[in-house]
Amino acid sequence: MTRVKVAIAGCGGRMGKVLLDCVAQADDLVLHAALEYDGSPLLGNVVAEGVKISADIESALKGADVLIDFTRPEGTLRHLEICRRLKVNMVIGTTGFNAQQKAQLGAAAQDIGIVFAPNMSVGVNLVFKLLETASRVLDHGYDIEIIEAHHRHKVDAPSGTALGMGEVVARTLGRDLAQCAVYGREGVTGERDPSTIGFATVRGGDIVGDHTVLYAGIGERIEITHKASSRATFALGALRAARFLQENKAGLYDMQDVLALK
C-alpha cells in the first residue's frame, strides 16, 4: 500500500501536536515533514522516524504529497507559494483570511489541490448542511443569532466556524453577510432589525469550540449546536481531506466536497 506523505505546519502548536499523533496512528499515512518557525526551541527535535522539526520549508516539503496547515494567514500564504511551486497539495484550516488573501488561495488552486474550510470537523460540516435546511424553512418570523465559545488563547473573533455558519445562513436566505451581520451590541440599540444575523463571542478557559445557531421565533426557539471536546475531531477531518486530495485534481475544495454533501 502506498501511503500518503504528510507534512504538518506549526507542529508544536495545539493542533499540530494532535495532528502528529493522528498521523502516527493512521496506517495509510506517513509523516514526511514537521515545520516550525525559524528560531523555535523545538527545531531539531525528532517527531517520527527520520523526521526532525525544521524551519527550512522548501527543503522539508520536497517529495511531500500534502501539507496540513492550521497556523496564521501570513504563514499559510508563505507556505502556499512554496507548495504551488513544488506541486504539493494543501489542507488549510487556518482562519482569519481577508477577501484578498482568500483570492490568493483560489489562484493557487489552479495548480494544486486545496481543501480550505473554517472547520475540519465532520460534525460541524454536517451542521452546515443542516443549517441550509433550517434556514429555508425558518426564513420568515425567526431572528437568527450565532453564539460561539473558545479557549482564552484564540486570537480571532468571531471564529472562522461561526462566520462560516453565518455565510451558509445568509446565502440560503439570499442576504449578504457583510451587510446584515451584527458583531456586538451595547447601549441603547433600538429594536432588533429582523434582517440581521447576530454574533456573540465568548473567550475563556480551555473551551475547544462550541457553536450554536439560534432561530428565535414567537413561542419557540430552534437551536442547532455543535460542541467539540477534543481537537482530534479537527485533525481527523483534516486527514480525511488529505486522502481526498490524493484522488482529485487541482482545485479549491471544502469539507462539503470531501464529505460528498453537495
Protein backbone atom coordinates (compact mmCIF):
# COMPACT_ATOMS: atom_id res chain seq x y z
CA MET A 1 0.00 0.00 0.00
CA THR A 2 1.33 3.44 -0.96
CA ARG A 3 0.98 5.77 1.99
CA VAL A 4 0.18 9.47 1.69
CA LYS A 5 3.21 11.57 2.65
CA VAL A 6 2.01 14.27 5.02
CA ALA A 7 3.77 17.45 6.14
CA ILE A 8 2.46 19.41 9.14
CA ALA A 9 2.94 23.16 9.63
CA GLY A 10 3.04 24.53 13.17
CA CYS A 11 3.69 21.06 14.56
CA GLY A 12 4.49 22.42 18.02
CA GLY A 13 1.12 24.11 18.44
CA ARG A 14 -2.04 22.70 19.97
CA MET A 15 -3.42 21.44 16.67
CA GLY A 16 0.00 20.45 15.35
CA LYS A 17 0.62 18.07 18.23
CA VAL A 18 -2.75 16.39 17.75
CA LEU A 19 -2.09 16.06 14.01
CA LEU A 20 1.25 14.38 14.71
CA ASP A 21 -0.48 11.83 16.94
CA CYS A 22 -3.27 11.15 14.45
CA VAL A 23 -0.88 10.69 11.52
CA ALA A 24 1.20 8.26 13.60
CA GLN A 25 -1.92 6.15 14.23
CA ALA A 26 -3.04 6.04 10.58
CA ASP A 27 -1.98 3.02 8.53
CA ASP A 28 -2.35 4.80 5.17
CA LEU A 29 -0.41 7.97 6.09
CA VAL A 30 3.23 8.69 6.91
CA LEU A 31 4.79 11.82 8.35
CA HIS A 32 7.09 13.36 5.74
CA ALA A 33 7.94 16.70 7.39
CA ALA A 34 7.22 18.71 10.53
CA LEU A 35 7.57 22.50 10.34
CA GLU A 36 8.01 25.25 12.90
CA TYR A 37 9.01 28.91 12.74
CA ASP A 38 12.63 29.96 12.44
CA GLY A 39 14.05 30.29 15.96
CA SER A 40 11.62 27.86 17.57
CA PRO A 41 13.19 25.95 20.50
CA LEU A 42 11.66 22.80 19.01
CA LEU A 43 13.83 22.84 15.89
CA GLY A 44 15.81 19.63 15.51
CA ASN A 45 13.53 17.58 17.76
CA VAL A 46 12.74 14.14 16.36
CA VAL A 47 8.97 13.60 15.99
CA ALA A 48 8.96 10.42 13.88
CA GLU A 49 11.45 8.03 12.37
CA GLY A 50 13.70 10.08 10.11
CA VAL A 51 11.73 13.31 10.70
CA LYS A 52 13.10 16.28 12.62
CA ILE A 53 11.30 19.57 13.16
CA SER A 54 12.58 22.05 10.58
CA ALA A 55 12.17 25.69 9.57
CA ASP A 56 13.52 25.07 6.07
CA ILE A 57 10.12 24.90 4.42
CA GLU A 58 11.20 24.34 0.83
CA SER A 59 13.62 21.51 1.62
CA ALA A 60 11.19 19.85 4.02
CA LEU A 61 8.30 19.88 1.55
CA LYS A 62 10.17 18.32 -1.36
CA GLY A 63 8.58 14.95 -2.04
CA ALA A 64 5.56 15.56 0.20
CA ASP A 65 2.05 14.82 -1.08
CA VAL A 66 0.19 17.28 1.13
CA LEU A 67 0.80 19.99 3.72
CA ILE A 68 -1.70 20.37 6.55
CA ASP A 69 -1.70 23.94 7.82
CA PHE A 70 -3.55 25.27 10.90
CA THR A 71 -1.35 28.33 11.51
CA ARG A 72 -1.88 32.05 10.79
CA PRO A 73 -2.84 33.69 7.47
CA GLU A 74 0.61 35.20 6.85
CA GLY A 75 2.38 31.90 7.47
CA THR A 76 -0.12 29.91 5.44
CA LEU A 77 0.32 32.21 2.45
CA ARG A 78 4.11 31.78 2.61
CA HIS A 79 3.60 28.02 2.62
CA LEU A 80 1.08 28.35 -0.22
CA GLU A 81 3.64 29.93 -2.53
CA ILE A 82 6.13 27.12 -1.94
CA CYS A 83 3.51 24.37 -2.20
CA ARG A 84 2.32 25.78 -5.50
CA ARG A 85 5.84 25.77 -6.88
CA LEU A 86 6.57 22.23 -5.65
CA LYS A 87 3.11 20.87 -6.60
CA VAL A 88 2.30 19.88 -3.01
CA ASN A 89 -1.41 19.84 -2.16
CA MET A 90 -2.68 21.71 0.91
CA VAL A 91 -5.27 21.20 3.61
CA ILE A 92 -5.87 24.60 5.18
CA GLY A 93 -7.67 25.00 8.49
CA THR A 94 -6.24 28.47 9.16
CA THR A 95 -8.86 31.14 9.90
CA GLY A 96 -8.83 34.93 9.73
CA PHE A 97 -8.18 35.41 5.99
CA ASN A 98 -9.45 38.58 4.35
CA ALA A 99 -11.05 38.61 0.89
CA GLN A 100 -7.79 39.37 -0.90
CA GLN A 101 -5.99 36.52 0.87
CA LYS A 102 -8.81 34.10 0.02
CA ALA A 103 -8.39 35.14 -3.61
CA GLN A 104 -4.74 34.04 -3.40
CA LEU A 105 -5.90 30.57 -2.34
CA GLY A 106 -8.20 30.43 -5.34
CA ALA A 107 -5.39 31.42 -7.69
CA ALA A 108 -3.05 28.75 -6.32
CA ALA A 109 -5.79 26.14 -6.69
CA GLN A 110 -5.34 26.37 -10.44
CA ASP A 111 -2.13 24.39 -9.95
CA ILE A 112 -2.61 22.32 -6.79
CA GLY A 113 -5.44 20.74 -4.85
CA ILE A 114 -6.53 22.75 -1.81
CA VAL A 115 -9.13 21.87 0.80
CA PHE A 116 -9.90 25.10 2.65
CA ALA A 117 -12.50 25.04 5.41
CA PRO A 118 -13.10 27.15 8.54
CA ASN A 119 -13.66 23.91 10.43
CA MET A 120 -12.47 20.41 9.50
CA SER A 121 -14.80 18.58 11.89
CA VAL A 122 -17.11 16.10 10.19
CA GLY A 123 -19.85 17.02 12.68
CA VAL A 124 -19.54 20.76 12.06
CA ASN A 125 -19.74 20.25 8.31
CA LEU A 126 -22.87 18.18 8.77
CA VAL A 127 -24.24 21.14 10.78
CA PHE A 128 -23.51 23.43 7.80
CA LYS A 129 -25.78 21.20 5.72
CA LEU A 130 -28.48 21.19 8.42
CA LEU A 131 -28.36 24.99 8.52
CA GLU A 132 -29.29 25.17 4.85
CA THR A 133 -32.46 23.18 5.54
CA ALA A 134 -33.32 25.08 8.71
CA SER A 135 -32.82 28.47 7.06
CA ARG A 136 -35.04 27.57 4.12
CA VAL A 137 -37.85 26.53 6.45
CA LEU A 138 -37.39 29.32 9.02
CA ASP A 139 -36.94 32.14 6.52
CA HIS A 140 -39.67 34.38 7.99
CA GLY A 141 -40.53 35.27 11.57
CA TYR A 142 -37.34 33.99 13.17
CA ASP A 143 -34.44 36.06 14.49
CA ILE A 144 -31.08 34.39 13.91
CA GLU A 145 -28.19 34.61 16.37
CA ILE A 146 -24.87 32.74 16.31
CA ILE A 147 -23.12 32.13 19.62
CA GLU A 148 -19.59 30.74 19.80
CA ALA A 149 -17.15 30.00 22.62
CA HIS A 150 -13.44 29.18 22.51
CA HIS A 151 -10.39 29.00 24.77
CA ARG A 152 -8.65 32.10 26.09
CA HIS A 153 -5.77 31.82 23.60
CA LYS A 154 -7.82 32.19 20.40
CA VAL A 155 -6.79 35.38 18.62
CA ASP A 156 -9.62 35.98 16.12
CA ALA A 157 -13.30 36.67 16.69
CA PRO A 158 -15.85 35.63 15.68
CA SER A 159 -14.38 32.24 14.92
CA GLY A 160 -13.97 31.15 11.34
CA THR A 161 -16.56 28.46 12.00
CA ALA A 162 -19.11 30.97 13.28
CA LEU A 163 -18.54 33.13 10.22
CA GLY A 164 -18.87 30.05 8.03
CA MET A 165 -22.21 29.27 9.66
CA GLY A 166 -23.30 32.86 9.12
CA GLU A 167 -22.35 32.67 5.45
CA VAL A 168 -24.39 29.48 4.99
CA VAL A 169 -27.43 31.06 6.64
CA ALA A 170 -27.11 34.36 4.76
CA ARG A 171 -26.59 32.67 1.40
CA THR A 172 -29.63 30.43 1.91
CA LEU A 173 -31.74 33.47 2.83
CA GLY A 174 -30.47 35.50 -0.12
CA ARG A 175 -28.67 38.00 2.09
CA ASP A 176 -25.14 39.41 2.08
CA LEU A 177 -23.46 38.62 5.40
CA ALA A 178 -21.20 41.66 5.09
CA GLN A 179 -24.31 43.84 5.10
CA CYS A 180 -26.53 42.04 7.62
CA ALA A 181 -24.08 40.83 10.30
CA VAL A 182 -24.14 42.45 13.74
CA TYR A 183 -21.00 41.69 15.76
CA GLY A 184 -21.74 43.44 19.02
CA ARG A 185 -24.45 45.30 20.91
CA GLU A 186 -24.02 47.95 23.55
CA GLY A 187 -26.11 50.79 24.92
CA VAL A 188 -29.48 51.79 23.50
CA THR A 189 -29.56 49.78 20.28
CA GLY A 190 -33.24 50.10 19.45
CA GLU A 191 -35.36 47.17 18.38
CA ARG A 192 -33.72 44.29 16.59
CA ASP A 193 -33.70 44.52 12.79
CA PRO A 194 -35.24 41.21 11.65
CA SER A 195 -32.98 41.09 8.59
CA THR A 196 -29.79 40.95 10.66
CA ILE A 197 -27.74 37.95 11.77
CA GLY A 198 -26.21 38.49 15.19
CA PHE A 199 -22.93 37.12 16.54
CA ALA A 200 -21.90 36.69 20.17
CA THR A 201 -18.39 35.65 21.20
CA VAL A 202 -17.18 34.03 24.43
CA ARG A 203 -13.49 33.50 25.27
CA GLY A 204 -12.31 31.63 28.35
CA GLY A 205 -10.50 28.70 29.88
CA ASP A 206 -9.77 25.70 27.69
CA ILE A 207 -13.02 25.54 25.68
CA VAL A 208 -12.15 23.66 22.49
CA GLY A 209 -15.04 25.04 20.46
CA ASP A 210 -18.80 25.46 20.96
CA HIS A 211 -21.15 26.83 18.29
CA THR A 212 -24.90 27.39 18.38
CA VAL A 213 -27.17 28.86 15.72
CA LEU A 214 -30.35 30.09 17.36
CA TYR A 215 -33.59 30.65 15.43
CA ALA A 216 -35.83 32.60 17.81
CA GLY A 217 -39.49 32.81 16.81
CA ILE A 218 -42.70 33.66 18.60
CA GLY A 219 -43.42 30.88 21.06
CA GLU A 220 -40.47 28.69 20.15
CA ARG A 221 -36.71 28.53 19.70
CA ILE A 222 -34.77 26.15 17.48
CA GLU A 223 -31.10 25.64 18.30
CA ILE A 224 -28.56 23.77 16.21
CA THR A 225 -25.45 23.16 18.31
CA HIS A 226 -22.06 21.54 17.91
CA LYS A 227 -19.63 21.10 20.81
CA ALA A 228 -16.09 19.85 20.34
CA SER A 229 -14.46 18.16 23.32
CA SER A 230 -11.15 17.34 21.63
CA ARG A 231 -9.06 18.78 18.81
CA ALA A 232 -8.82 15.25 17.46
CA THR A 233 -12.11 15.84 15.65
CA PHE A 234 -10.49 18.60 13.58
CA ALA A 235 -7.34 16.57 12.98
CA LEU A 236 -9.24 13.50 11.80
CA GLY A 237 -11.26 15.64 9.42
CA ALA A 238 -8.04 17.18 8.06
CA LEU A 239 -6.62 13.71 7.41
CA ARG A 240 -9.80 12.78 5.59
CA ALA A 241 -9.27 15.88 3.44
CA ALA A 242 -5.67 14.87 2.75
CA ARG A 243 -6.85 11.49 1.47
CA PHE A 244 -9.47 13.20 -0.69
CA LEU A 245 -6.82 15.30 -2.42
CA GLN A 246 -4.92 12.16 -3.43
CA GLU A 247 -7.91 11.17 -5.56
CA ASN A 248 -8.81 14.57 -7.04
CA LYS A 249 -7.24 17.03 -9.45
CA ALA A 250 -6.19 20.62 -8.78
CA GLY A 251 -8.95 22.87 -7.49
CA LEU A 252 -10.32 24.67 -4.46
CA TYR A 253 -12.47 22.37 -2.32
CA ASP A 254 -14.11 22.50 1.09
CA MET A 255 -15.22 19.84 3.54
CA GLN A 256 -18.63 19.66 1.89
CA ASP A 257 -16.78 18.30 -1.17
CA VAL A 258 -14.73 15.90 0.96
CA LEU A 259 -17.86 14.52 2.64
CA ALA A 260 -19.94 14.48 -0.59
CA LEU A 261 -22.57 16.76 0.98
CA LYS A 262 -23.01 18.98 -2.08
